[in-house]
C-alpha atoms as a PDB file:
ATOM      1  CA  MET A   1      35.828 146.984 104.435  1.00  0.00           C
ATOM      2  CA  LYS A   2      32.821 144.687 105.893  1.00  0.00           C
ATOM      3  CA  THR A   3      31.130 148.530 107.132  1.00  0.00           C
ATOM      4  CA  LEU A   4      31.353 150.263 103.865  1.00  0.00           C
ATOM      5  CA  SER A   5      29.988 147.421 102.285  1.00  0.00           C
ATOM      6  CA  LEU A   6      27.036 147.173 104.846  1.00  0.00           C
ATOM      7  CA  LEU A   7      26.283 150.919 104.238  1.00  0.00           C
ATOM      8  CA  ALA A   8      26.336 150.624 100.443  1.00  0.00           C
ATOM      9  CA  VAL A   9      23.833 148.049 100.455  1.00  0.00           C
ATOM     10  CA  LEU A  10      21.431 150.311 103.258  1.00  0.00           C
ATOM     11  CA  ALA A  11      22.076 152.992 100.209  1.00  0.00           C
ATOM     12  CA  ALA A  12      20.750 151.193  97.688  1.00  0.00           C
ATOM     13  CA  SER A  13      17.967 150.528  99.205  1.00  0.00           C
ATOM     14  CA  THR A  14      16.737 153.990  99.503  1.00  0.00           C
ATOM     15  CA  VAL A  15      16.847 154.049  95.954  1.00  0.00           C
ATOM     16  CA  ALA A  16      13.639 151.961  94.778  1.00  0.00           C
ATOM     17  CA  VAL A  17      11.418 153.897  97.276  1.00  0.00           C
ATOM     18  CA  PRO A  18       8.112 151.570  98.862  1.00  0.00           C
ATOM     19  CA  ALA A  19       5.322 152.037  97.458  1.00  0.00           C
ATOM     20  CA  PHE A  20       4.089 153.051 100.706  1.00  0.00           C
ATOM     21  CA  ALA A  21       6.504 155.842 101.360  1.00  0.00           C
ATOM     22  CA  GLN A  22       5.577 157.480  97.985  1.00  0.00           C
ATOM     23  CA  ASP A  23       2.203 158.372  99.709  1.00  0.00           C
ATOM     24  CA  ARG A  24       4.092 160.430 102.756  1.00  0.00           C
ATOM     25  CA  ASP A  25       5.245 163.976 102.682  1.00  0.00           C
ATOM     26  CA  THR A  26       9.115 163.540 102.681  1.00  0.00           C
ATOM     27  CA  SER A  27       9.340 167.293 102.823  1.00  0.00           C
ATOM     28  CA  GLN A  28       9.262 166.531 107.002  1.00  0.00           C
ATOM     29  CA  ASP A  29      11.684 163.953 106.648  1.00  0.00           C
ATOM     30  CA  PHE A  30      14.471 164.029 109.621  1.00  0.00           C
ATOM     31  CA  ASN A  31      12.889 167.315 111.048  1.00  0.00           C
ATOM     32  CA  GLY A  32      12.785 167.458 114.964  1.00  0.00           C
ATOM     33  CA  PRO A  33      12.953 165.385 118.095  1.00  0.00           C
ATOM     34  CA  TYR A  34      13.712 161.651 117.982  1.00  0.00           C
ATOM     35  CA  ILE A  35      14.378 158.602 120.374  1.00  0.00           C
ATOM     36  CA  SER A  36      16.465 155.665 119.403  1.00  0.00           C
ATOM     37  CA  ILE A  37      17.350 152.307 120.543  1.00  0.00           C
ATOM     38  CA  GLY A  38      20.056 149.928 118.642  1.00  0.00           C
ATOM     39  CA  GLY A  39      23.042 147.623 119.134  1.00  0.00           C
ATOM     40  CA  GLY A  40      25.675 145.822 116.932  1.00  0.00           C
ATOM     41  CA  GLY A  41      28.996 144.760 117.707  1.00  0.00           C
ATOM     42  CA  THR A  42      32.268 146.679 119.348  1.00  0.00           C
ATOM     43  CA  LEU A  43      35.860 145.465 118.020  1.00  0.00           C
ATOM     44  CA  GLN A  44      38.638 145.771 120.138  1.00  0.00           C
ATOM     45  CA  GLY A  45      41.938 145.867 118.220  1.00  0.00           C
ATOM     46  CA  ASN A  46      45.607 144.337 119.362  1.00  0.00           C
ATOM     47  CA  ASP A  47      47.577 147.465 120.789  1.00  0.00           C
ATOM     48  CA  ASN A  48      50.586 146.407 119.093  1.00  0.00           C
ATOM     49  CA  GLY A  49      53.442 147.598 121.108  1.00  0.00           C
ATOM     50  CA  GLU A  50      52.095 148.203 124.206  1.00  0.00           C
ATOM     51  CA  THR A  51      54.182 147.125 127.352  1.00  0.00           C
ATOM     52  CA  VAL A  52      53.950 147.611 131.016  1.00  0.00           C
ATOM     53  CA  LEU A  53      55.955 150.562 132.834  1.00  0.00           C
ATOM     54  CA  PHE A  54      56.939 150.411 136.294  1.00  0.00           C
ATOM     55  CA  ASP A  55      57.997 153.120 139.073  1.00  0.00           C
ATOM     56  CA  THR A  56      60.686 151.426 140.973  1.00  0.00           C
ATOM     57  CA  ASN A  57      60.832 154.252 143.522  1.00  0.00           C
ATOM     58  CA  ARG A  58      57.708 156.094 143.777  1.00  0.00           C
ATOM     59  CA  ASP A  59      58.533 159.563 142.873  1.00  0.00           C
ATOM     60  CA  GLY A  60      55.397 159.329 140.164  1.00  0.00           C
ATOM     61  CA  THR A  61      58.183 159.016 136.955  1.00  0.00           C
ATOM     62  CA  TYR A  62      57.472 155.578 134.991  1.00  0.00           C
ATOM     63  CA  GLY A  63      59.523 154.067 132.421  1.00  0.00           C
ATOM     64  CA  ASP A  64      62.457 152.566 135.558  1.00  0.00           C
ATOM     65  CA  GLN A  65      63.819 149.305 134.873  1.00  0.00           C
ATOM     66  CA  VAL A  66      62.996 146.433 137.420  1.00  0.00           C
ATOM     67  CA  THR A  67      66.537 144.409 138.321  1.00  0.00           C
ATOM     68  CA  THR A  68      66.996 141.833 139.892  1.00  0.00           C
ATOM     69  CA  VAL A  69      70.046 141.448 142.968  1.00  0.00           C
ATOM     70  CA  GLY A  70      72.554 140.418 140.055  1.00  0.00           C
ATOM     71  CA  GLY A  71      71.516 143.661 138.052  1.00  0.00           C
ATOM     72  CA  ALA A  72      69.626 142.103 135.200  1.00  0.00           C
ATOM     73  CA  ASN A  73      66.711 143.246 133.762  1.00  0.00           C
ATOM     74  CA  ALA A  74      63.792 140.621 135.744  1.00  0.00           C
ATOM     75  CA  PHE A  75      61.322 141.632 132.971  1.00  0.00           C
ATOM     76  CA  SER A  76      63.867 140.928 129.757  1.00  0.00           C
ATOM     77  CA  THR A  77      61.113 138.286 129.052  1.00  0.00           C
ATOM     78  CA  GLY A  78      59.092 140.853 127.380  1.00  0.00           C
ATOM     79  CA  PHE A  79      55.237 141.577 127.253  1.00  0.00           C
ATOM     80  CA  CYS A  80      52.193 140.522 124.972  1.00  0.00           C
ATOM     81  CA  ASN A  81      49.019 142.568 124.011  1.00  0.00           C
ATOM     82  CA  GLY A  82      46.566 140.523 125.204  1.00  0.00           C
ATOM     83  CA  ALA A  83      46.020 138.283 128.491  1.00  0.00           C
ATOM     84  CA  ALA A  84      48.466 135.547 129.366  1.00  0.00           C
ATOM     85  CA  THR A  85      47.132 131.953 129.290  1.00  0.00           C
ATOM     86  CA  SER A  86      50.287 130.820 131.308  1.00  0.00           C
ATOM     87  CA  SER A  87      53.160 132.313 133.787  1.00  0.00           C
ATOM     88  CA  ALA A  88      55.528 132.373 130.053  1.00  0.00           C
ATOM     89  CA  ASN A  89      55.273 134.551 127.393  1.00  0.00           C
ATOM     90  CA  ARG A  90      53.671 132.842 124.765  1.00  0.00           C
ATOM     91  CA  ASN A  91      50.065 132.545 123.389  1.00  0.00           C
ATOM     92  CA  CYS A  92      48.502 135.072 124.685  1.00  0.00           C
ATOM     93  CA  ARG A  93      44.804 135.609 124.481  1.00  0.00           C
ATOM     94  CA  ASN A  94      43.713 138.450 121.710  1.00  0.00           C
ATOM     95  CA  ASP A  95      41.459 141.512 122.980  1.00  0.00           C
ATOM     96  CA  LYS A  96      37.690 140.312 123.432  1.00  0.00           C
ATOM     97  CA  ASP A  97      35.476 141.774 120.647  1.00  0.00           C
ATOM     98  CA  GLY A  98      31.896 141.417 121.793  1.00  0.00           C
ATOM     99  CA  PRO A  99      28.311 142.761 121.667  1.00  0.00           C
ATOM    100  CA  GLU A 100      26.580 146.467 122.288  1.00  0.00           C
ATOM    101  CA  TYR A 101      23.640 148.150 123.298  1.00  0.00           C
ATOM    102  CA  PHE A 102      22.713 151.639 123.536  1.00  0.00           C
ATOM    103  CA  GLY A 103      20.052 154.392 123.790  1.00  0.00           C
ATOM    104  CA  ARG A 104      19.672 157.605 122.007  1.00  0.00           C
ATOM    105  CA  LEU A 105      18.041 160.976 122.312  1.00  0.00           C
ATOM    106  CA  GLY A 106      18.598 163.713 119.414  1.00  0.00           C
ATOM    107  CA  PHE A 107      17.183 166.237 117.421  1.00  0.00           C
ATOM    108  CA  ASP A 108      17.339 167.535 113.910  1.00  0.00           C
ATOM    109  CA  LYS A 109      17.067 170.987 111.492  1.00  0.00           C
ATOM    110  CA  ARG A 110      16.136 169.987 108.338  1.00  0.00           C
ATOM    111  CA  MET A 111      17.319 173.545 105.906  1.00  0.00           C
ATOM    112  CA  GLY A 112      16.396 171.865 102.706  1.00  0.00           C
ATOM    113  CA  ASN A 113      18.217 168.587 101.754  1.00  0.00           C
ATOM    114  CA  PHE A 114      20.537 169.537 104.336  1.00  0.00           C
ATOM    115  CA  VAL A 115      20.554 168.246 107.617  1.00  0.00           C
ATOM    116  CA  LEU A 116      22.129 169.464 110.953  1.00  0.00           C
ATOM    117  CA  GLY A 117      21.787 167.962 114.430  1.00  0.00           C
ATOM    118  CA  ALA A 118      22.612 166.892 118.004  1.00  0.00           C
ATOM    119  CA  VAL A 119      22.578 163.771 119.736  1.00  0.00           C
ATOM    120  CA  ILE A 120      22.982 162.350 123.372  1.00  0.00           C
ATOM    121  CA  GLU A 121      23.443 158.437 123.943  1.00  0.00           C
ATOM    122  CA  GLY A 122      24.201 156.155 126.491  1.00  0.00           C
ATOM    123  CA  GLY A 123      25.097 152.290 126.588  1.00  0.00           C
ATOM    124  CA  ARG A 124      27.253 149.426 127.177  1.00  0.00           C
ATOM    125  CA  SER A 125      30.121 147.115 125.534  1.00  0.00           C
ATOM    126  CA  VAL A 126      32.123 144.181 126.551  1.00  0.00           C
ATOM    127  CA  ALA A 127      34.845 144.294 124.520  1.00  0.00           C
ATOM    128  CA  ARG A 128      38.041 143.822 126.603  1.00  0.00           C
ATOM    129  CA  ASP A 129      41.242 145.318 126.047  1.00  0.00           C
ATOM    130  CA  SER A 130      44.586 143.255 127.881  1.00  0.00           C
ATOM    131  CA  VAL A 131      48.141 143.587 127.840  1.00  0.00           C
ATOM    132  CA  THR A 132      50.269 141.441 130.247  1.00  0.00           C
ATOM    133  CA  ALA A 133      54.482 141.670 131.118  1.00  0.00           C
ATOM    134  CA  PHE A 134      56.154 138.944 132.021  1.00  0.00           C
ATOM    135  CA  SER A 135      58.976 138.046 134.559  1.00  0.00           C
ATOM    136  CA  THR A 136      61.824 136.094 134.465  1.00  0.00           C
ATOM    137  CA  THR A 137      60.352 134.130 137.778  1.00  0.00           C
ATOM    138  CA  PRO A 138      58.405 133.141 135.513  1.00  0.00           C
ATOM    139  CA  ALA A 139      55.490 134.983 136.448  1.00  0.00           C
ATOM    140  CA  SER A 140      52.673 137.062 134.264  1.00  0.00           C
ATOM    141  CA  TYR A 141      51.511 140.383 135.491  1.00  0.00           C
ATOM    142  CA  THR A 142      48.108 141.166 133.214  1.00  0.00           C
ATOM    143  CA  PHE A 143      46.556 144.256 132.894  1.00  0.00           C
ATOM    144  CA  SER A 144      42.728 144.413 131.524  1.00  0.00           C
ATOM    145  CA  ARG A 145      39.884 147.077 130.810  1.00  0.00           C
ATOM    146  CA  GLU A 146      36.264 147.484 129.805  1.00  0.00           C
ATOM    147  CA  ALA A 147      33.678 150.050 129.828  1.00  0.00           C
ATOM    148  CA  ASP A 148      30.888 149.572 132.597  1.00  0.00           C
ATOM    149  CA  TYR A 149      28.843 151.970 130.516  1.00  0.00           C
ATOM    150  CA  GLN A 150      29.724 154.621 127.619  1.00  0.00           C
ATOM    151  CA  ALA A 151      27.693 158.184 127.111  1.00  0.00           C
ATOM    152  CA  ASN A 152      28.713 160.695 123.895  1.00  0.00           C
ATOM    153  CA  ALA A 153      27.405 164.061 122.784  1.00  0.00           C
ATOM    154  CA  ARG A 154      28.002 164.191 119.648  1.00  0.00           C
ATOM    155  CA  LEU A 155      26.821 166.435 116.255  1.00  0.00           C
ATOM    156  CA  ARG A 156      25.983 165.217 112.688  1.00  0.00           C
ATOM    157  CA  ALA A 157      25.438 166.561 109.856  1.00  0.00           C
ATOM    158  CA  GLY A 158      24.019 165.109 106.536  1.00  0.00           C
ATOM    159  CA  TYR A 159      21.961 165.343 103.573  1.00  0.00           C
ATOM    160  CA  THR A 160      18.903 163.797 102.776  1.00  0.00           C
ATOM    161  CA  PRO A 161      17.971 163.799  98.680  1.00  0.00           C
ATOM    162  CA  GLY A 162      14.514 165.522  99.191  1.00  0.00           C
ATOM    163  CA  GLY A 163      13.800 163.255 101.921  1.00  0.00           C
ATOM    164  CA  GLY A 164      13.177 159.084 102.382  1.00  0.00           C
ATOM    165  CA  ALA A 165      17.028 158.515 103.447  1.00  0.00           C
ATOM    166  CA  LEU A 166      19.540 160.734 105.431  1.00  0.00           C
ATOM    167  CA  PHE A 167      23.673 160.043 105.258  1.00  0.00           C
ATOM    168  CA  TYR A 168      25.438 161.827 107.372  1.00  0.00           C
ATOM    169  CA  VAL A 169      29.103 162.081 109.575  1.00  0.00           C
ATOM    170  CA  THR A 170      29.093 163.059 113.333  1.00  0.00           C
ATOM    171  CA  GLY A 171      31.710 163.627 116.137  1.00  0.00           C
ATOM    172  CA  GLY A 172      31.824 164.933 119.332  1.00  0.00           C
ATOM    173  CA  GLY A 173      33.289 164.077 122.906  1.00  0.00           C
ATOM    174  CA  ALA A 174      33.161 160.771 124.943  1.00  0.00           C
ATOM    175  CA  TYR A 175      33.085 159.645 128.480  1.00  0.00           C
ATOM    176  CA  ALA A 176      32.946 155.998 129.756  1.00  0.00           C
ATOM    177  CA  ARG A 177      33.400 154.019 133.512  1.00  0.00           C
ATOM    178  CA  LEU A 178      36.222 151.837 133.239  1.00  0.00           C
ATOM    179  CA  ASP A 179      36.262 148.608 134.786  1.00  0.00           C
ATOM    180  CA  ASN A 180      39.595 148.047 135.352  1.00  0.00           C
ATOM    181  CA  ARG A 181      41.432 144.470 136.648  1.00  0.00           C
ATOM    182  CA  PHE A 182      44.766 143.147 137.391  1.00  0.00           C
ATOM    183  CA  SER A 183      45.810 139.199 137.506  1.00  0.00           C
ATOM    184  CA  THR A 184      49.329 137.880 138.631  1.00  0.00           C
ATOM    185  CA  SER A 185      50.713 134.711 138.739  1.00  0.00           C
ATOM    186  CA  ASN A 186      53.281 136.346 141.281  1.00  0.00           C
ATOM    187  CA  GLY A 187      51.995 134.333 145.109  1.00  0.00           C
ATOM    188  CA  ALA A 188      54.749 136.317 147.162  1.00  0.00           C
ATOM    189  CA  ASN A 189      54.433 139.696 146.766  1.00  0.00           C
ATOM    190  CA  SER A 190      51.018 141.891 147.407  1.00  0.00           C
ATOM    191  CA  PHE A 191      48.787 143.989 145.277  1.00  0.00           C
ATOM    192  CA  ALA A 192      46.936 146.933 145.605  1.00  0.00           C
ATOM    193  CA  ASP A 193      45.221 148.528 142.781  1.00  0.00           C
ATOM    194  CA  ASN A 194      42.899 152.468 142.345  1.00  0.00           C
ATOM    195  CA  GLY A 195      39.751 149.913 140.682  1.00  0.00           C
ATOM    196  CA  LYS A 196      37.510 151.858 138.703  1.00  0.00           C
ATOM    197  CA  THR A 197      38.181 154.719 136.736  1.00  0.00           C
ATOM    198  CA  ASN A 198      36.889 157.666 134.459  1.00  0.00           C
ATOM    199  CA  GLY A 199      37.643 157.826 130.952  1.00  0.00           C
ATOM    200  CA  TRP A 200      37.371 161.283 128.473  1.00  0.00           C
ATOM    201  CA  GLY A 201      37.776 161.515 124.554  1.00  0.00           C
ATOM    202  CA  TYR A 202      36.005 161.677 121.714  1.00  0.00           C
ATOM    203  CA  THR A 203      34.085 159.766 119.074  1.00  0.00           C
ATOM    204  CA  ALA A 204      33.486 159.435 115.118  1.00  0.00           C
ATOM    205  CA  GLY A 205      32.131 158.682 112.536  1.00  0.00           C
ATOM    206  CA  GLY A 206      29.007 158.159 109.717  1.00  0.00           C
ATOM    207  CA  GLY A 207      26.026 156.722 108.844  1.00  0.00           C
ATOM    208  CA  ALA A 208      22.537 156.180 107.341  1.00  0.00           C
ATOM    209  CA  GLU A 209      19.271 156.353 107.787  1.00  0.00           C
ATOM    210  CA  VAL A 210      15.929 155.392 106.125  1.00  0.00           C
ATOM    211  CA  MET A 211      12.556 156.501 106.991  1.00  0.00           C
ATOM    212  CA  VAL A 212       9.706 153.431 106.639  1.00  0.00           C
ATOM    213  CA  THR A 213       7.017 155.043 107.569  1.00  0.00           C
ATOM    214  CA  ASN A 214       5.925 158.811 108.791  1.00  0.00           C
ATOM    215  CA  ASN A 215       7.387 158.158 112.449  1.00  0.00           C
ATOM    216  CA  ILE A 216      10.117 155.144 112.261  1.00  0.00           C
ATOM    217  CA  ALA A 217      13.446 155.201 110.839  1.00  0.00           C
ATOM    218  CA  LEU A 218      15.863 152.709 110.496  1.00  0.00           C
ATOM    219  CA  GLY A 219      19.736 152.767 110.235  1.00  0.00           C
ATOM    220  CA  LEU A 220      23.383 151.570 110.220  1.00  0.00           C
ATOM    221  CA  GLU A 221      25.984 153.472 111.541  1.00  0.00           C
ATOM    222  CA  TYR A 222      29.551 153.106 112.411  1.00  0.00           C
ATOM    223  CA  LEU A 223      31.775 154.990 115.247  1.00  0.00           C
ATOM    224  CA  TYR A 224      35.223 155.168 115.915  1.00  0.00           C
ATOM    225  CA  THR A 225      35.828 155.612 120.135  1.00  0.00           C
ATOM    226  CA  ASP A 226      39.283 157.114 121.603  1.00  0.00           C
ATOM    227  CA  ILE A 227      38.519 156.993 125.600  1.00  0.00           C
ATOM    228  CA  LYS A 228      41.957 158.560 127.320  1.00  0.00           C
ATOM    229  CA  ASP A 229      42.626 156.404 130.941  1.00  0.00           C
ATOM    230  CA  ASN A 230      45.590 157.071 132.494  1.00  0.00           C
ATOM    231  CA  ASP A 231      44.625 156.527 136.556  1.00  0.00           C
ATOM    232  CA  PHE A 232      45.069 153.215 136.639  1.00  0.00           C
ATOM    233  CA  VAL A 233      47.847 151.604 138.682  1.00  0.00           C
ATOM    234  CA  VAL A 234      49.022 148.275 140.341  1.00  0.00           C
ATOM    235  CA  ASN A 235      51.004 149.137 143.852  1.00  0.00           C
ATOM    236  CA  VAL A 236      53.443 146.151 144.981  1.00  0.00           C
ATOM    237  CA  GLY A 237      54.516 145.591 148.062  1.00  0.00           C
ATOM    238  CA  PRO A 238      56.734 143.111 149.992  1.00  0.00           C
ATOM    239  CA  GLY A 239      53.831 140.065 150.615  1.00  0.00           C
ATOM    240  CA  THR A 240      55.614 137.231 152.034  1.00  0.00           C
ATOM    241  CA  ALA A 241      58.613 137.792 149.461  1.00  0.00           C
ATOM    242  CA  PRO A 242      62.324 138.331 151.097  1.00  0.00           C
ATOM    243  CA  ALA A 243      63.939 141.933 150.709  1.00  0.00           C
ATOM    244  CA  THR A 244      65.973 141.016 147.685  1.00  0.00           C
ATOM    245  CA  ASN A 245      62.311 140.910 145.688  1.00  0.00           C
ATOM    246  CA  PRO A 246      63.264 142.733 142.198  1.00  0.00           C
ATOM    247  CA  PHE A 247      60.427 144.908 143.486  1.00  0.00           C
ATOM    248  CA  LEU A 248      60.924 145.628 146.637  1.00  0.00           C
ATOM    249  CA  LEU A 249      64.999 146.776 145.923  1.00  0.00           C
ATOM    250  CA  ASN A 250      65.010 150.347 145.487  1.00  0.00           C
ATOM    251  CA  GLY A 251      62.862 151.784 147.532  1.00  0.00           C
ATOM    252  CA  GLY A 252      60.452 148.636 148.930  1.00  0.00           C
ATOM    253  CA  GLY A 253      57.720 148.232 146.398  1.00  0.00           C
ATOM    254  CA  THR A 254      57.056 149.400 142.858  1.00  0.00           C
ATOM    255  CA  ASP A 255      53.966 150.847 140.983  1.00  0.00           C
ATOM    256  CA  MET A 256      52.701 149.465 137.539  1.00  0.00           C
ATOM    257  CA  LYS A 257      50.806 150.740 134.824  1.00  0.00           C
ATOM    258  CA  ARG A 258      50.118 150.460 131.191  1.00  0.00           C
ATOM    259  CA  SER A 259      52.053 152.359 129.063  1.00  0.00           C
ATOM    260  CA  SER A 260      49.120 153.085 126.424  1.00  0.00           C
ATOM    261  CA  ASP A 261      46.390 155.101 128.100  1.00  0.00           C
ATOM    262  CA  ASN A 262      43.915 154.915 124.953  1.00  0.00           C
ATOM    263  CA  PHE A 263      41.123 152.446 125.002  1.00  0.00           C
ATOM    264  CA  ARG A 264      40.237 152.527 121.154  1.00  0.00           C
ATOM    265  CA  THR A 265      37.139 150.850 119.849  1.00  0.00           C
ATOM    266  CA  HIS A 266      35.332 150.264 116.904  1.00  0.00           C
ATOM    267  CA  SER A 267      31.521 149.876 116.471  1.00  0.00           C
ATOM    268  CA  VAL A 268      29.105 148.794 113.605  1.00  0.00           C
ATOM    269  CA  ARG A 269      25.721 149.025 114.747  1.00  0.00           C
ATOM    270  CA  GLY A 270      22.279 149.429 113.385  1.00  0.00           C
ATOM    271  CA  THR A 271      19.345 151.987 114.870  1.00  0.00           C
ATOM    272  CA  LEU A 272      15.674 151.981 115.355  1.00  0.00           C
ATOM    273  CA  SER A 273      14.299 155.498 115.618  1.00  0.00           C
ATOM    274  CA  PHE A 274      11.038 156.689 116.551  1.00  0.00           C
ATOM    275  CA  ARG A 275      10.511 160.283 115.875  1.00  0.00           C
ATOM    276  CA  PHE A 276       7.796 163.240 117.199  1.00  0.00           C
END
């Protein structure tokens, strides 16, 4: 709702075109190449129901139960959609929202009041997505990920009522270099992981731009981005744990990964563009 309200404000501001803009040739607005910079906020909603999956015999198939010597579920205490604050399953920290910034190259082709364009964009957001598993030991096992940098290539289509303002929808492919992190309160087993991964997905949204001079435009935009990340795995080994350790009972080690391979974000950002 906040995004829709902001877009409405921007749209309303275009009704009364500033006096200096009335002297421009608006027939050339939103036509040709441009560069943009921008920034805003990234929202990372909690992934309700996300868990951690286990492969206790390391056959590549996840969904095994980690059991104790007595046959009990070693993770019966459950999971939380966030980062652990203790070794017990309570009061997890929510996923982290944060600022973002980016640069953009674009080209628009105006046909009457309709505009078709293409955009290449790159930048960074500090939003973080976490999930935690809790064992009956008790111990916590937290997976977190955020994007070191992101890029996308997308198309956009819009309508400009005689120039001055442009209202558009946009969508295309997206990429992210993901910084995966793992932490645990388990000091007995050994843990190794494959670190940073490459994620691919899509982005879609919409926005509005207003020309404030012949070459400069201000804009407001919303983007939803869904990146698929299925490559991060944590390998659990013996460490100093005895052979009766639940991670070791079914083959000497266990692999762990997140149940959700989707890194989803919502972005609301402002843009400053220079049109050539």
